[in-house]
Structure formats: structure tokens, C-alpha cells
Amino acid sequence: MHYVYVLECVDGTYYTGYTTDVERRVAEHEAGEGAKYTRGRTPVELRHVERYETRSAAMSREHEIKSLSRRAKERLVTDPDADTD
């Protein structure tokens, strides 16, 4: 399985990423071993996860979420069924 996840950083910003193991990846972010963006912005909170069958589908969705406005990301993490357009 492939996953797209959204973290909320301690400074209130959102980070979107891709992984095959959400638990491990969040632990890496917490330990300062994740993306440069999340280093210094810990602790992080897992706010949203989506599961995909293929890597390409997950990567496509990751790109889509990263291009959303902050307001749309807030809607996504509070109501995953909401339209994020």
C-alpha cells in the first residue's frame, strides 16, 4: 500500500508527504530524520491519511494536496469528505 499523509507542525503549518509506512514516517519526522521542512517544527501531529494501490496514484495525490491553498488543506484535515477545490 501507498499513503499520502498530512502533518500539522508545531508552528501551525501543514506538511504533506508520501510513504509506504505511515507510523515509521511520522516517527522519522518526530526524530528530526524526516523532511528538512519538519525539522525544527516538531512535534508534529498526523492530521490526514489517504491510501492508494499504486505509487503513481499516491504521488499524484500528494502533488495535488501540496498545491492546495491553506484554507483547502484546513478543510481536508477537518472534513476529509469536503470538496477541496
C-alpha atoms as a PDB file:
ATOM      1  CA  MET A   1       0.000   0.000   0.000  1.00  0.00           C
ATOM      2  CA  HIS A   2       0.989   3.600  -0.600  1.00  0.00           C
ATOM      3  CA  TYR A   3      -0.074   6.504   1.571  1.00  0.00           C
ATOM      4  CA  VAL A   4      -0.325  10.266   1.377  1.00  0.00           C
ATOM      5  CA  TYR A   5      -0.349  11.994   4.733  1.00  0.00           C
ATOM      6  CA  VAL A   6      -0.714  15.498   6.111  1.00  0.00           C
ATOM      7  CA  LEU A   7       1.069  16.569   9.280  1.00  0.00           C
ATOM      8  CA  GLU A   8       0.368  19.677  11.301  1.00  0.00           C
ATOM      9  CA  CYS A   9       3.608  21.130  12.603  1.00  0.00           C
ATOM     10  CA  VAL A  10       4.007  22.843  15.965  1.00  0.00           C
ATOM     11  CA  ASP A  11       4.028  26.242  14.221  1.00  0.00           C
ATOM     12  CA  GLY A  12       0.601  25.544  12.680  1.00  0.00           C
ATOM     13  CA  THR A  13       1.849  24.836   9.163  1.00  0.00           C
ATOM     14  CA  TYR A  14       0.994  21.717   7.184  1.00  0.00           C
ATOM     15  CA  TYR A  15       3.383  19.244   5.603  1.00  0.00           C
ATOM     16  CA  THR A  16       2.223  16.721   3.004  1.00  0.00           C
ATOM     17  CA  GLY A  17       4.198  13.602   2.185  1.00  0.00           C
ATOM     18  CA  TYR A  18       4.166  10.126   0.664  1.00  0.00           C
ATOM     19  CA  THR A  19       5.177   6.850   2.313  1.00  0.00           C
ATOM     20  CA  THR A  20       4.574   3.118   2.406  1.00  0.00           C
ATOM     21  CA  ASP A  21       4.633   3.082   6.238  1.00  0.00           C
ATOM     22  CA  VAL A  22       2.855   5.977   7.939  1.00  0.00           C
ATOM     23  CA  GLU A  23       3.817   5.075  11.513  1.00  0.00           C
ATOM     24  CA  ARG A  24       7.521   4.811  10.648  1.00  0.00           C
ATOM     25  CA  ARG A  25       7.488   8.012   8.621  1.00  0.00           C
ATOM     26  CA  VAL A  26       5.809  10.074  11.342  1.00  0.00           C
ATOM     27  CA  ALA A  27       8.373   8.727  13.838  1.00  0.00           C
ATOM     28  CA  GLU A  28      11.144   9.833  11.457  1.00  0.00           C
ATOM     29  CA  HIS A  29       9.688  13.330  11.293  1.00  0.00           C
ATOM     30  CA  GLU A  30       9.449  13.445  15.094  1.00  0.00           C
ATOM     31  CA  ALA A  31      13.090  12.339  15.414  1.00  0.00           C
ATOM     32  CA  GLY A  32      14.282  15.051  13.036  1.00  0.00           C
ATOM     33  CA  GLU A  33      15.071  12.479  10.353  1.00  0.00           C
ATOM     34  CA  GLY A  34      12.191  13.367   8.047  1.00  0.00           C
ATOM     35  CA  ALA A  35      11.961  16.165   5.546  1.00  0.00           C
ATOM     36  CA  LYS A  36      14.021  19.300   6.104  1.00  0.00           C
ATOM     37  CA  TYR A  37      10.761  21.223   6.346  1.00  0.00           C
ATOM     38  CA  THR A  38       9.636  19.437   9.503  1.00  0.00           C
ATOM     39  CA  ARG A  39      12.990  19.658  11.292  1.00  0.00           C
ATOM     40  CA  GLY A  40      12.646  22.339  13.923  1.00  0.00           C
ATOM     41  CA  ARG A  41       8.868  22.241  13.579  1.00  0.00           C
ATOM     42  CA  THR A  42       8.281  19.308  15.910  1.00  0.00           C
ATOM     43  CA  PRO A  43       6.270  17.936  17.478  1.00  0.00           C
ATOM     44  CA  VAL A  44       4.074  17.106  14.503  1.00  0.00           C
ATOM     45  CA  GLU A  45       0.550  15.737  14.550  1.00  0.00           C
ATOM     46  CA  LEU A  46      -0.797  13.347  11.926  1.00  0.00           C
ATOM     47  CA  ARG A  47      -3.964  15.011  10.661  1.00  0.00           C
ATOM     48  CA  HIS A  48      -4.916  13.123   7.493  1.00  0.00           C
ATOM     49  CA  VAL A  49      -4.075   9.875   5.668  1.00  0.00           C
ATOM     50  CA  GLU A  50      -5.211   8.512   2.301  1.00  0.00           C
ATOM     51  CA  ARG A  51      -4.397   5.016   0.995  1.00  0.00           C
ATOM     52  CA  TYR A  52      -3.664   4.136  -2.637  1.00  0.00           C
ATOM     53  CA  GLU A  53      -2.983   0.916  -4.516  1.00  0.00           C
ATOM     54  CA  THR A  54      -0.221   2.361  -6.684  1.00  0.00           C
ATOM     55  CA  ARG A  55       2.731   4.622  -6.063  1.00  0.00           C
ATOM     56  CA  SER A  56       1.817   6.777  -9.043  1.00  0.00           C
ATOM     57  CA  ALA A  57      -1.708   7.411  -7.733  1.00  0.00           C
ATOM     58  CA  ALA A  58      -0.344   8.354  -4.319  1.00  0.00           C
ATOM     59  CA  MET A  59       2.322  10.637  -5.776  1.00  0.00           C
ATOM     60  CA  SER A  60      -0.263  12.335  -7.965  1.00  0.00           C
ATOM     61  CA  ARG A  61      -2.497  12.969  -4.956  1.00  0.00           C
ATOM     62  CA  GLU A  62       0.477  14.214  -2.912  1.00  0.00           C
ATOM     63  CA  HIS A  63       1.187  16.794  -5.618  1.00  0.00           C
ATOM     64  CA  GLU A  64      -2.493  17.761  -5.692  1.00  0.00           C
ATOM     65  CA  ILE A  65      -2.655  18.301  -1.929  1.00  0.00           C
ATOM     66  CA  LYS A  66       0.605  20.264  -1.918  1.00  0.00           C
ATOM     67  CA  SER A  67      -0.872  22.658  -4.468  1.00  0.00           C
ATOM     68  CA  LEU A  68      -3.980  23.350  -2.355  1.00  0.00           C
ATOM     69  CA  SER A  69      -4.412  26.633  -0.549  1.00  0.00           C
ATOM     70  CA  ARG A  70      -4.058  26.670   3.218  1.00  0.00           C
ATOM     71  CA  ARG A  71      -7.825  27.055   3.545  1.00  0.00           C
ATOM     72  CA  ALA A  72      -8.403  23.962   1.391  1.00  0.00           C
ATOM     73  CA  LYS A  73      -5.868  21.977   3.442  1.00  0.00           C
ATOM     74  CA  GLU A  74      -7.670  23.028   6.614  1.00  0.00           C
ATOM     75  CA  ARG A  75     -10.944  21.737   5.143  1.00  0.00           C
ATOM     76  CA  LEU A  76      -9.229  18.490   4.158  1.00  0.00           C
ATOM     77  CA  VAL A  77      -7.880  17.786   7.652  1.00  0.00           C
ATOM     78  CA  THR A  78     -11.111  18.750   9.415  1.00  0.00           C
ATOM     79  CA  ASP A  79     -13.549  17.148   6.948  1.00  0.00           C
ATOM     80  CA  PRO A  80     -11.917  14.651   4.557  1.00  0.00           C
ATOM     81  CA  ASP A  81     -15.180  14.305   2.596  1.00  0.00           C
ATOM     82  CA  ALA A  82     -15.371  18.043   1.861  1.00  0.00           C
ATOM     83  CA  ASP A  83     -14.663  19.354  -1.622  1.00  0.00           C
ATOM     84  CA  THR A  84     -11.161  20.864  -1.598  1.00  0.00           C
ATOM     85  CA  ASP A  85     -11.408  22.719  -4.911  1.00  0.00           C
END
